[in-house]
Amino acid sequence: QVQLVESGGGLVQPGGSLRLSCAAPGFPLDYFTIAWFRQPPGKEREGVSCISSTTSRDGRTYVADSVKGRFAMSRNNVKKTGYLQLNSLKPEDTAVYYCARGGLGSRCTGSWGITQGYDYWGQGTQVTVSS
């Protein structure tokens, strides 16, 4: 089965940091594009970041303008786990964060932030930024 499991969320103060994890034990994570989305309370789900599959060889990554310079994706292929590092957190970053799987051997494209481009999603992990 294809399954993605997010963890690492929690309550942090403004300016704090978190590292979110996306475990994918059932498939070779590095062979797929992986993206992070978030959904603030009462709002639509939005793209946060995307990293291309290793086999695409393009090394393409995308980061949403709203989090550029503060968030960064990484991937540990041995552990089959993706990560999203969240730094300098702001109250408006409060949301449920999801990881999602894209195409086999694919790369992040200009339309990476469209949710329909992903076939499997994790259950999400809550990030709350408040003083």
N, C-alpha and C. Protein backbone atom coordinates (compact mmCIF):
# COMPACT_ATOMS: atom_id res chain seq x y z
N GLN A 1 0.83 -1.18 0.00
CA GLN A 1 0.00 0.00 0.00
C GLN A 1 0.87 1.25 0.00
N VAL A 2 0.35 2.29 -0.58
CA VAL A 2 0.99 3.59 -0.56
C VAL A 2 0.45 4.35 0.63
N GLN A 3 1.34 4.77 1.49
CA GLN A 3 0.94 5.50 2.68
C GLN A 3 1.99 6.54 3.03
N LEU A 4 1.54 7.72 3.38
CA LEU A 4 2.40 8.80 3.83
C LEU A 4 1.94 9.19 5.22
N VAL A 5 2.89 9.34 6.13
CA VAL A 5 2.57 9.63 7.52
C VAL A 5 3.37 10.85 7.96
N GLU A 6 2.67 11.93 8.24
CA GLU A 6 3.32 13.16 8.70
C GLU A 6 3.44 13.15 10.22
N SER A 7 4.46 13.82 10.71
CA SER A 7 4.64 14.01 12.14
C SER A 7 5.50 15.25 12.36
N GLY A 8 5.61 15.67 13.60
CA GLY A 8 6.48 16.77 13.95
C GLY A 8 5.79 18.09 14.23
N GLY A 9 4.49 18.15 14.00
CA GLY A 9 3.77 19.37 14.28
C GLY A 9 3.63 19.62 15.77
N GLY A 10 3.14 20.79 16.10
CA GLY A 10 2.95 21.14 17.49
C GLY A 10 2.69 22.61 17.66
N LEU A 11 2.73 23.04 18.90
CA LEU A 11 2.52 24.44 19.25
C LEU A 11 3.87 25.11 19.48
N VAL A 12 4.11 26.20 18.77
CA VAL A 12 5.36 26.94 18.91
C VAL A 12 5.06 28.43 18.97
N GLN A 13 5.99 29.17 19.54
CA GLN A 13 5.88 30.62 19.60
C GLN A 13 6.33 31.25 18.29
N PRO A 14 5.83 32.44 17.98
CA PRO A 14 6.34 33.14 16.79
C PRO A 14 7.86 33.26 16.82
N GLY A 15 8.46 33.02 15.67
CA GLY A 15 9.91 33.02 15.57
C GLY A 15 10.55 31.68 15.82
N GLY A 16 9.78 30.72 16.28
CA GLY A 16 10.29 29.40 16.55
C GLY A 16 10.42 28.55 15.31
N SER A 17 10.86 27.31 15.51
CA SER A 17 11.12 26.39 14.41
C SER A 17 10.52 25.02 14.69
N LEU A 18 10.21 24.33 13.62
CA LEU A 18 9.78 22.94 13.67
C LEU A 18 10.35 22.22 12.46
N ARG A 19 10.51 20.92 12.60
CA ARG A 19 10.83 20.09 11.45
C ARG A 19 9.76 19.02 11.32
N LEU A 20 9.06 19.06 10.21
CA LEU A 20 8.03 18.09 9.92
C LEU A 20 8.62 16.91 9.15
N SER A 21 8.11 15.73 9.42
CA SER A 21 8.56 14.53 8.74
C SER A 21 7.42 13.91 7.96
N CYS A 22 7.77 13.29 6.85
CA CYS A 22 6.82 12.56 6.02
C CYS A 22 7.42 11.20 5.74
N ALA A 23 6.99 10.21 6.49
CA ALA A 23 7.51 8.86 6.34
C ALA A 23 6.74 8.11 5.26
N ALA A 24 7.48 7.41 4.41
CA ALA A 24 6.89 6.64 3.32
C ALA A 24 7.57 5.29 3.24
N PRO A 25 7.28 4.40 4.19
CA PRO A 25 7.99 3.13 4.25
C PRO A 25 7.68 2.17 3.11
N GLY A 26 6.56 2.37 2.42
CA GLY A 26 6.10 1.40 1.45
C GLY A 26 6.54 1.60 0.02
N PHE A 27 7.28 2.66 -0.27
CA PHE A 27 7.71 2.89 -1.64
C PHE A 27 8.99 3.72 -1.64
N PRO A 28 9.73 3.71 -2.75
CA PRO A 28 10.98 4.48 -2.83
C PRO A 28 10.69 5.97 -2.98
N LEU A 29 10.74 6.66 -1.89
CA LEU A 29 10.36 8.06 -1.85
C LEU A 29 11.12 8.90 -2.86
N ASP A 30 12.39 8.62 -3.04
CA ASP A 30 13.22 9.44 -3.91
C ASP A 30 12.89 9.29 -5.39
N TYR A 31 12.10 8.30 -5.74
CA TYR A 31 11.71 8.11 -7.13
C TYR A 31 10.50 8.95 -7.53
N PHE A 32 9.95 9.67 -6.60
CA PHE A 32 8.74 10.44 -6.83
C PHE A 32 8.96 11.90 -6.47
N THR A 33 8.20 12.76 -7.12
CA THR A 33 8.11 14.11 -6.60
C THR A 33 7.34 14.08 -5.29
N ILE A 34 7.77 14.90 -4.35
CA ILE A 34 7.10 15.02 -3.06
C ILE A 34 6.84 16.49 -2.82
N ALA A 35 5.65 16.78 -2.38
CA ALA A 35 5.28 18.17 -2.10
C ALA A 35 4.66 18.29 -0.72
N TRP A 36 4.78 19.47 -0.17
CA TRP A 36 4.11 19.82 1.07
C TRP A 36 3.05 20.86 0.78
N PHE A 37 1.89 20.65 1.35
CA PHE A 37 0.79 21.59 1.30
C PHE A 37 0.38 21.94 2.72
N ARG A 38 -0.38 22.99 2.83
CA ARG A 38 -0.94 23.33 4.13
C ARG A 38 -2.34 23.90 3.94
N GLN A 39 -3.14 23.76 4.98
CA GLN A 39 -4.50 24.25 4.95
C GLN A 39 -4.79 25.00 6.25
N PRO A 40 -4.77 26.33 6.19
CA PRO A 40 -5.12 27.12 7.37
C PRO A 40 -6.59 26.95 7.72
N PRO A 41 -6.96 27.25 8.94
CA PRO A 41 -8.38 27.13 9.33
C PRO A 41 -9.28 27.97 8.44
N GLY A 42 -10.29 27.34 7.89
CA GLY A 42 -11.26 28.04 7.07
C GLY A 42 -10.78 28.46 5.70
N LYS A 43 -9.62 28.00 5.28
CA LYS A 43 -9.07 28.39 3.99
C LYS A 43 -8.79 27.17 3.12
N GLU A 44 -8.49 27.44 1.86
CA GLU A 44 -8.18 26.37 0.91
C GLU A 44 -6.77 25.85 1.12
N ARG A 45 -6.58 24.62 0.71
CA ARG A 45 -5.26 24.03 0.77
C ARG A 45 -4.33 24.70 -0.23
N GLU A 46 -3.11 24.99 0.19
CA GLU A 46 -2.17 25.69 -0.66
C GLU A 46 -0.82 24.98 -0.66
N GLY A 47 -0.12 25.08 -1.77
CA GLY A 47 1.19 24.49 -1.89
C GLY A 47 2.23 25.25 -1.09
N VAL A 48 3.13 24.53 -0.48
CA VAL A 48 4.21 25.11 0.31
C VAL A 48 5.55 24.91 -0.37
N SER A 49 5.85 23.67 -0.77
CA SER A 49 7.13 23.36 -1.38
C SER A 49 7.05 22.06 -2.14
N CYS A 50 7.97 21.89 -3.07
CA CYS A 50 8.00 20.68 -3.90
C CYS A 50 9.45 20.33 -4.21
N ILE A 51 9.74 19.04 -4.24
CA ILE A 51 11.06 18.57 -4.64
C ILE A 51 10.90 17.48 -5.68
N SER A 52 11.68 17.55 -6.74
CA SER A 52 11.58 16.59 -7.83
C SER A 52 12.15 15.24 -7.43
N SER A 53 11.73 14.20 -8.13
CA SER A 53 12.30 12.88 -7.93
C SER A 53 13.78 12.90 -8.25
N THR A 54 14.53 12.04 -7.58
CA THR A 54 15.96 11.94 -7.85
C THR A 54 16.21 11.50 -9.29
N THR A 55 15.40 10.60 -9.80
CA THR A 55 15.60 10.06 -11.14
C THR A 55 15.28 11.06 -12.24
N SER A 56 14.59 12.13 -11.92
CA SER A 56 14.34 13.16 -12.93
C SER A 56 15.60 13.93 -13.27
N ARG A 57 16.54 13.93 -12.37
CA ARG A 57 17.88 14.52 -12.55
C ARG A 57 17.89 16.03 -12.71
N ASP A 58 16.81 16.68 -12.43
CA ASP A 58 16.81 18.13 -12.64
C ASP A 58 17.02 18.92 -11.36
N GLY A 59 16.89 18.27 -10.21
CA GLY A 59 17.11 18.94 -8.95
C GLY A 59 16.18 20.10 -8.68
N ARG A 60 15.05 20.10 -9.34
CA ARG A 60 14.14 21.23 -9.23
C ARG A 60 13.40 21.24 -7.90
N THR A 61 13.36 22.39 -7.29
CA THR A 61 12.57 22.60 -6.10
C THR A 61 11.78 23.89 -6.24
N TYR A 62 10.66 23.93 -5.58
CA TYR A 62 9.82 25.11 -5.54
C TYR A 62 9.49 25.41 -4.09
N VAL A 63 9.43 26.67 -3.80
CA VAL A 63 9.01 27.14 -2.48
C VAL A 63 8.04 28.29 -2.70
N ALA A 64 6.93 28.23 -2.02
CA ALA A 64 5.93 29.29 -2.14
C ALA A 64 6.50 30.62 -1.66
N ASP A 65 6.07 31.69 -2.31
CA ASP A 65 6.58 33.01 -1.95
C ASP A 65 6.34 33.34 -0.48
N SER A 66 5.24 32.86 0.06
CA SER A 66 4.88 33.19 1.43
C SER A 66 5.84 32.60 2.46
N VAL A 67 6.58 31.57 2.07
CA VAL A 67 7.49 30.92 3.01
C VAL A 67 8.93 30.92 2.53
N LYS A 68 9.20 31.54 1.40
CA LYS A 68 10.54 31.55 0.84
C LYS A 68 11.53 32.19 1.82
N GLY A 69 12.66 31.53 1.99
CA GLY A 69 13.66 32.00 2.92
C GLY A 69 13.45 31.53 4.34
N ARG A 70 12.31 30.92 4.61
CA ARG A 70 12.01 30.43 5.95
C ARG A 70 11.82 28.92 6.01
N PHE A 71 11.26 28.35 4.96
CA PHE A 71 11.01 26.91 4.92
C PHE A 71 11.94 26.26 3.90
N ALA A 72 12.27 24.99 4.12
CA ALA A 72 13.11 24.25 3.20
C ALA A 72 12.78 22.77 3.26
N MET A 73 12.77 22.14 2.09
CA MET A 73 12.54 20.70 2.01
C MET A 73 13.86 19.95 1.95
N SER A 74 13.83 18.72 2.45
CA SER A 74 14.95 17.81 2.30
C SER A 74 14.40 16.40 2.28
N ARG A 75 15.28 15.45 1.98
CA ARG A 75 14.84 14.07 1.86
C ARG A 75 15.96 13.13 2.25
N ASN A 76 15.64 12.13 3.05
CA ASN A 76 16.58 11.09 3.42
C ASN A 76 16.11 9.81 2.73
N ASN A 77 16.82 9.43 1.69
CA ASN A 77 16.39 8.30 0.88
C ASN A 77 16.54 6.97 1.59
N VAL A 78 17.52 6.87 2.47
CA VAL A 78 17.71 5.63 3.23
C VAL A 78 16.56 5.42 4.19
N LYS A 79 16.19 6.46 4.90
CA LYS A 79 15.07 6.38 5.84
C LYS A 79 13.72 6.48 5.15
N LYS A 80 13.72 6.79 3.87
CA LYS A 80 12.49 6.95 3.09
C LYS A 80 11.57 7.95 3.76
N THR A 81 12.15 9.07 4.12
CA THR A 81 11.44 10.11 4.82
C THR A 81 11.77 11.48 4.24
N GLY A 82 10.74 12.26 3.99
CA GLY A 82 10.91 13.63 3.57
C GLY A 82 10.73 14.56 4.76
N TYR A 83 11.29 15.75 4.65
CA TYR A 83 11.25 16.70 5.75
C TYR A 83 10.89 18.08 5.24
N LEU A 84 10.26 18.83 6.09
CA LEU A 84 10.03 20.24 5.86
C LEU A 84 10.49 21.00 7.09
N GLN A 85 11.54 21.78 6.92
CA GLN A 85 12.06 22.60 8.00
C GLN A 85 11.34 23.94 8.00
N LEU A 86 10.73 24.27 9.11
CA LEU A 86 9.98 25.51 9.26
C LEU A 86 10.73 26.41 10.24
N ASN A 87 11.20 27.53 9.76
CA ASN A 87 11.92 28.49 10.58
C ASN A 87 11.19 29.82 10.60
N SER A 88 11.51 30.62 11.59
CA SER A 88 10.94 31.96 11.72
C SER A 88 9.43 31.93 11.56
N LEU A 89 8.81 31.06 12.29
CA LEU A 89 7.38 30.84 12.14
C LEU A 89 6.56 32.06 12.55
N LYS A 90 5.50 32.27 11.82
CA LYS A 90 4.57 33.36 12.05
C LYS A 90 3.19 32.80 12.37
N PRO A 91 2.35 33.58 13.05
CA PRO A 91 1.00 33.10 13.33
C PRO A 91 0.24 32.67 12.07
N GLU A 92 0.46 33.34 10.95
CA GLU A 92 -0.22 32.99 9.73
C GLU A 92 0.24 31.67 9.13
N ASP A 93 1.29 31.08 9.68
CA ASP A 93 1.72 29.76 9.26
C ASP A 93 0.89 28.65 9.91
N THR A 94 0.04 29.01 10.83
CA THR A 94 -0.80 28.03 11.49
C THR A 94 -1.68 27.31 10.47
N ALA A 95 -1.59 26.00 10.44
CA ALA A 95 -2.32 25.20 9.46
C ALA A 95 -2.08 23.73 9.73
N VAL A 96 -2.87 22.91 9.06
CA VAL A 96 -2.56 21.50 8.98
C VAL A 96 -1.65 21.31 7.77
N TYR A 97 -0.53 20.66 7.98
CA TYR A 97 0.45 20.46 6.93
C TYR A 97 0.39 19.03 6.43
N TYR A 98 0.36 18.89 5.12
CA TYR A 98 0.26 17.60 4.46
C TYR A 98 1.43 17.37 3.53
N CYS A 99 1.88 16.13 3.43
CA CYS A 99 2.77 15.76 2.35
C CYS A 99 1.99 14.97 1.32
N ALA A 100 2.45 15.02 0.09
CA ALA A 100 1.75 14.38 -1.02
C ALA A 100 2.74 13.82 -2.02
N ARG A 101 2.34 12.75 -2.69
CA ARG A 101 3.19 12.09 -3.67
C ARG A 101 2.76 12.42 -5.08
N GLY A 102 3.73 12.81 -5.89
CA GLY A 102 3.50 13.06 -7.29
C GLY A 102 3.89 11.88 -8.15
N GLY A 103 4.24 12.14 -9.39
CA GLY A 103 4.48 11.09 -10.36
C GLY A 103 5.82 10.39 -10.22
N LEU A 104 5.83 9.12 -10.58
CA LEU A 104 7.05 8.34 -10.59
C LEU A 104 8.03 8.91 -11.61
N GLY A 105 9.24 9.17 -11.17
CA GLY A 105 10.26 9.69 -12.06
C GLY A 105 10.00 11.09 -12.57
N SER A 106 9.06 11.79 -11.97
CA SER A 106 8.66 13.09 -12.47
C SER A 106 9.45 14.21 -11.79
N ARG A 107 9.17 15.41 -12.22
CA ARG A 107 9.76 16.59 -11.64
C ARG A 107 8.69 17.58 -11.25
N CYS A 108 9.01 18.45 -10.35
CA CYS A 108 8.10 19.53 -10.03
C CYS A 108 7.99 20.45 -11.23
N THR A 109 6.79 20.83 -11.56
CA THR A 109 6.53 21.70 -12.69
C THR A 109 5.98 23.03 -12.20
N GLY A 110 5.72 23.91 -13.14
CA GLY A 110 5.17 25.20 -12.78
C GLY A 110 3.80 25.12 -12.15
N SER A 111 3.12 24.00 -12.32
CA SER A 111 1.80 23.80 -11.73
C SER A 111 1.85 22.87 -10.54
N TRP A 112 2.97 22.80 -9.86
CA TRP A 112 3.15 21.85 -8.77
C TRP A 112 2.16 22.07 -7.64
N GLY A 113 1.67 23.29 -7.48
CA GLY A 113 0.78 23.62 -6.38
C GLY A 113 -0.67 23.23 -6.57
N ILE A 114 -0.99 22.56 -7.65
CA ILE A 114 -2.35 22.09 -7.90
C ILE A 114 -2.54 20.74 -7.23
N THR A 115 -3.51 20.65 -6.35
CA THR A 115 -3.67 19.44 -5.55
C THR A 115 -3.99 18.21 -6.37
N GLN A 116 -4.65 18.37 -7.49
CA GLN A 116 -5.03 17.22 -8.31
C GLN A 116 -3.85 16.54 -8.97
N GLY A 117 -2.69 17.13 -8.89
CA GLY A 117 -1.50 16.51 -9.45
C GLY A 117 -0.86 15.46 -8.58
N TYR A 118 -1.46 15.14 -7.45
CA TYR A 118 -0.90 14.20 -6.50
C TYR A 118 -1.87 13.07 -6.21
N ASP A 119 -1.34 11.86 -6.16
CA ASP A 119 -2.22 10.71 -6.03
C ASP A 119 -2.43 10.23 -4.61
N TYR A 120 -1.49 10.47 -3.72
CA TYR A 120 -1.61 10.03 -2.35
C TYR A 120 -1.22 11.14 -1.39
N TRP A 121 -1.94 11.19 -0.29
CA TRP A 121 -1.76 12.23 0.72
C TRP A 121 -1.66 11.62 2.11
N GLY A 122 -0.90 12.28 2.96
CA GLY A 122 -0.88 11.90 4.35
C GLY A 122 -2.08 12.47 5.08
N GLN A 123 -2.20 12.12 6.35
CA GLN A 123 -3.32 12.57 7.17
C GLN A 123 -3.14 13.99 7.70
N GLY A 124 -1.94 14.51 7.64
CA GLY A 124 -1.68 15.86 8.08
C GLY A 124 -1.17 15.93 9.51
N THR A 125 -0.43 16.99 9.78
CA THR A 125 0.04 17.27 11.13
C THR A 125 -0.20 18.75 11.43
N GLN A 126 -0.70 19.02 12.60
CA GLN A 126 -1.11 20.37 12.97
C GLN A 126 0.08 21.19 13.43
N VAL A 127 0.22 22.37 12.85
CA VAL A 127 1.20 23.36 13.29
C VAL A 127 0.44 24.58 13.78
N THR A 128 0.67 24.96 15.02
CA THR A 128 0.03 26.13 15.60
C THR A 128 1.11 27.08 16.10
N VAL A 129 1.07 28.30 15.61
CA VAL A 129 2.04 29.32 15.98
C VAL A 129 1.31 30.39 16.78
N SER A 130 1.62 30.47 18.05
CA SER A 130 0.92 31.40 18.93
C SER A 130 1.79 31.71 20.14
N SER A 131 1.65 32.92 20.63
CA SER A 131 2.34 33.31 21.85
C SER A 131 1.49 33.09 23.08
